[in-house]
N, C-alpha and C. Protein backbone atom coordinates (compact mmCIF):
# COMPACT_ATOMS: atom_id res chain seq x y z
N MET A 1 55.23 14.24 6.65
CA MET A 1 53.88 14.12 7.13
C MET A 1 52.93 13.79 5.97
N LEU A 2 53.02 14.54 4.87
CA LEU A 2 52.11 14.31 3.75
C LEU A 2 52.30 12.93 3.13
N ASN A 3 53.52 12.44 3.13
CA ASN A 3 53.77 11.10 2.59
C ASN A 3 53.07 10.02 3.40
N ALA A 4 52.86 10.28 4.67
CA ALA A 4 52.24 9.28 5.56
C ALA A 4 50.72 9.28 5.48
N LEU A 5 50.13 10.33 4.93
CA LEU A 5 48.67 10.41 4.88
C LEU A 5 48.10 9.52 3.80
N PRO A 6 47.05 8.76 4.12
CA PRO A 6 46.38 8.00 3.07
C PRO A 6 45.54 8.97 2.23
N CYS A 7 45.55 8.78 0.94
CA CYS A 7 44.80 9.68 0.07
C CYS A 7 44.28 8.89 -1.13
N ASP A 8 42.98 8.79 -1.24
CA ASP A 8 42.37 8.15 -2.41
C ASP A 8 41.91 9.19 -3.41
N ILE A 9 41.27 10.25 -2.92
CA ILE A 9 40.74 11.30 -3.79
C ILE A 9 41.63 12.51 -3.64
N PHE A 10 42.33 12.84 -4.71
CA PHE A 10 43.30 13.93 -4.69
C PHE A 10 42.65 15.21 -5.19
N LEU A 11 42.42 16.14 -4.26
CA LEU A 11 41.91 17.47 -4.58
C LEU A 11 42.85 18.47 -3.93
N GLY A 12 42.81 19.70 -4.37
CA GLY A 12 43.65 20.72 -3.78
C GLY A 12 43.00 22.08 -3.87
N ALA A 13 43.67 23.07 -3.34
CA ALA A 13 43.14 24.43 -3.33
C ALA A 13 43.04 25.01 -4.74
N HIS A 14 43.86 24.54 -5.62
CA HIS A 14 43.85 25.00 -7.01
C HIS A 14 43.75 23.79 -7.93
N GLY A 15 42.92 23.90 -8.96
CA GLY A 15 42.71 22.78 -9.89
C GLY A 15 43.98 22.32 -10.57
N SER A 16 44.93 23.24 -10.75
CA SER A 16 46.19 22.86 -11.42
C SER A 16 47.01 21.88 -10.58
N TYR A 17 46.76 21.83 -9.28
CA TYR A 17 47.49 20.90 -8.42
C TYR A 17 47.23 19.46 -8.84
N TYR A 18 46.01 19.18 -9.28
CA TYR A 18 45.60 17.79 -9.55
C TYR A 18 45.01 17.60 -10.94
N ASP A 19 45.29 18.53 -11.85
CA ASP A 19 44.84 18.45 -13.25
C ASP A 19 43.31 18.34 -13.34
N MET A 20 42.65 19.25 -12.64
CA MET A 20 41.20 19.21 -12.52
C MET A 20 40.48 19.21 -13.86
N GLU A 21 40.88 20.07 -14.78
CA GLU A 21 40.16 20.18 -16.05
C GLU A 21 40.17 18.87 -16.82
N ALA A 22 41.31 18.24 -16.92
CA ALA A 22 41.41 16.97 -17.65
C ALA A 22 40.61 15.88 -16.93
N LYS A 23 40.70 15.84 -15.61
CA LYS A 23 39.97 14.83 -14.86
C LYS A 23 38.46 15.02 -15.00
N PHE A 24 38.02 16.27 -14.94
CA PHE A 24 36.59 16.54 -15.08
C PHE A 24 36.10 16.14 -16.47
N ALA A 25 36.90 16.40 -17.50
CA ALA A 25 36.52 16.02 -18.87
C ALA A 25 36.37 14.51 -18.99
N HIS A 26 37.30 13.76 -18.40
CA HIS A 26 37.21 12.29 -18.42
C HIS A 26 35.98 11.81 -17.68
N TRP A 27 35.69 12.45 -16.55
CA TRP A 27 34.55 12.08 -15.74
C TRP A 27 33.24 12.32 -16.49
N LYS A 28 33.16 13.46 -17.19
CA LYS A 28 31.95 13.78 -17.95
C LYS A 28 31.72 12.79 -19.09
N GLN A 29 32.79 12.18 -19.59
CA GLN A 29 32.68 11.20 -20.67
C GLN A 29 32.26 9.83 -20.16
N GLY A 30 32.06 9.72 -18.86
CA GLY A 30 31.59 8.47 -18.29
C GLY A 30 32.69 7.50 -17.93
N GLN A 31 33.93 7.95 -17.96
CA GLN A 31 35.04 7.07 -17.59
C GLN A 31 35.06 6.88 -16.08
N ALA A 32 35.86 5.93 -15.65
CA ALA A 32 36.00 5.69 -14.21
C ALA A 32 36.41 6.99 -13.53
N ASN A 33 36.02 7.14 -12.29
CA ASN A 33 36.27 8.39 -11.58
C ASN A 33 37.76 8.72 -11.54
N PRO A 34 38.20 9.72 -12.31
CA PRO A 34 39.63 10.06 -12.36
C PRO A 34 40.12 10.79 -11.11
N PHE A 35 39.19 11.25 -10.28
CA PHE A 35 39.60 11.94 -9.06
C PHE A 35 40.12 10.95 -8.01
N ILE A 36 39.84 9.69 -8.18
CA ILE A 36 40.43 8.66 -7.32
C ILE A 36 41.84 8.43 -7.88
N ASP A 37 42.81 9.08 -7.24
CA ASP A 37 44.15 9.14 -7.82
C ASP A 37 45.23 9.17 -6.74
N PRO A 38 45.40 8.09 -5.99
CA PRO A 38 46.43 8.10 -4.95
C PRO A 38 47.84 8.25 -5.53
N ASP A 39 48.08 7.74 -6.72
CA ASP A 39 49.41 7.89 -7.32
C ASP A 39 49.68 9.34 -7.72
N GLY A 40 48.64 10.03 -8.19
CA GLY A 40 48.78 11.44 -8.53
C GLY A 40 49.12 12.26 -7.30
N TYR A 41 48.49 11.93 -6.18
CA TYR A 41 48.79 12.61 -4.91
C TYR A 41 50.24 12.38 -4.52
N LYS A 42 50.69 11.15 -4.55
CA LYS A 42 52.07 10.84 -4.18
C LYS A 42 53.06 11.56 -5.08
N SER A 43 52.76 11.60 -6.36
CA SER A 43 53.62 12.28 -7.32
C SER A 43 53.68 13.78 -7.04
N TYR A 44 52.54 14.37 -6.74
CA TYR A 44 52.49 15.80 -6.45
C TYR A 44 53.30 16.11 -5.18
N VAL A 45 53.12 15.33 -4.14
CA VAL A 45 53.84 15.55 -2.89
C VAL A 45 55.35 15.41 -3.12
N ALA A 46 55.76 14.41 -3.88
CA ALA A 46 57.19 14.22 -4.17
C ALA A 46 57.75 15.41 -4.97
N ASP A 47 56.98 15.90 -5.93
CA ASP A 47 57.42 17.04 -6.73
C ASP A 47 57.57 18.29 -5.87
N ARG A 48 56.61 18.54 -5.00
CA ARG A 48 56.66 19.73 -4.15
C ARG A 48 57.79 19.62 -3.13
N GLU A 49 58.06 18.41 -2.64
CA GLU A 49 59.17 18.22 -1.70
C GLU A 49 60.50 18.50 -2.40
N GLU A 50 60.62 18.03 -3.62
CA GLU A 50 61.84 18.27 -4.39
C GLU A 50 62.03 19.77 -4.64
N ALA A 51 60.97 20.47 -4.99
CA ALA A 51 61.05 21.92 -5.21
C ALA A 51 61.42 22.64 -3.91
N PHE A 52 60.86 22.21 -2.80
CA PHE A 52 61.19 22.82 -1.51
C PHE A 52 62.66 22.63 -1.17
N ARG A 53 63.14 21.41 -1.34
CA ARG A 53 64.54 21.13 -1.01
C ARG A 53 65.50 21.91 -1.91
N ALA A 54 65.16 22.06 -3.18
CA ALA A 54 66.00 22.83 -4.10
C ALA A 54 66.04 24.30 -3.68
N GLU A 55 64.90 24.85 -3.31
CA GLU A 55 64.85 26.25 -2.87
C GLU A 55 65.59 26.42 -1.56
N LEU A 56 65.45 25.49 -0.64
CA LEU A 56 66.17 25.54 0.63
C LEU A 56 67.68 25.53 0.40
N LYS A 57 68.12 24.67 -0.48
CA LYS A 57 69.56 24.59 -0.80
C LYS A 57 70.05 25.91 -1.39
N LYS A 58 69.26 26.48 -2.30
CA LYS A 58 69.62 27.74 -2.94
C LYS A 58 69.72 28.86 -1.90
N GLN A 59 68.75 28.96 -1.01
CA GLN A 59 68.75 30.01 -0.02
C GLN A 59 69.83 29.79 1.04
N SER A 60 70.10 28.55 1.38
CA SER A 60 71.16 28.25 2.35
C SER A 60 72.51 28.65 1.79
N ALA A 61 72.73 28.40 0.50
CA ALA A 61 73.99 28.77 -0.13
C ALA A 61 74.15 30.28 -0.20
N ALA A 62 73.06 30.99 -0.39
CA ALA A 62 73.10 32.45 -0.49
C ALA A 62 73.41 33.10 0.85
N ASN A 63 73.09 32.42 1.94
CA ASN A 63 73.30 32.97 3.27
C ASN A 63 74.67 32.66 3.86
N ARG A 64 75.50 31.99 3.10
CA ARG A 64 76.83 31.63 3.63
C ARG A 64 77.81 32.71 3.36
């Protein structure tokens, strides 16, 4: 589902999800808006999916 969503501005519940501090620092320096980050969103979703699948595999093996 998350892979199918269009996302230009990547924000999350926690700043660490999208590297808020670094992006804000770049923004304050007058650089192009770093919060417009569709690739960062895709990378985050892929990373979290990989972590989920690894945990699922670990728990599935423990229940056998």
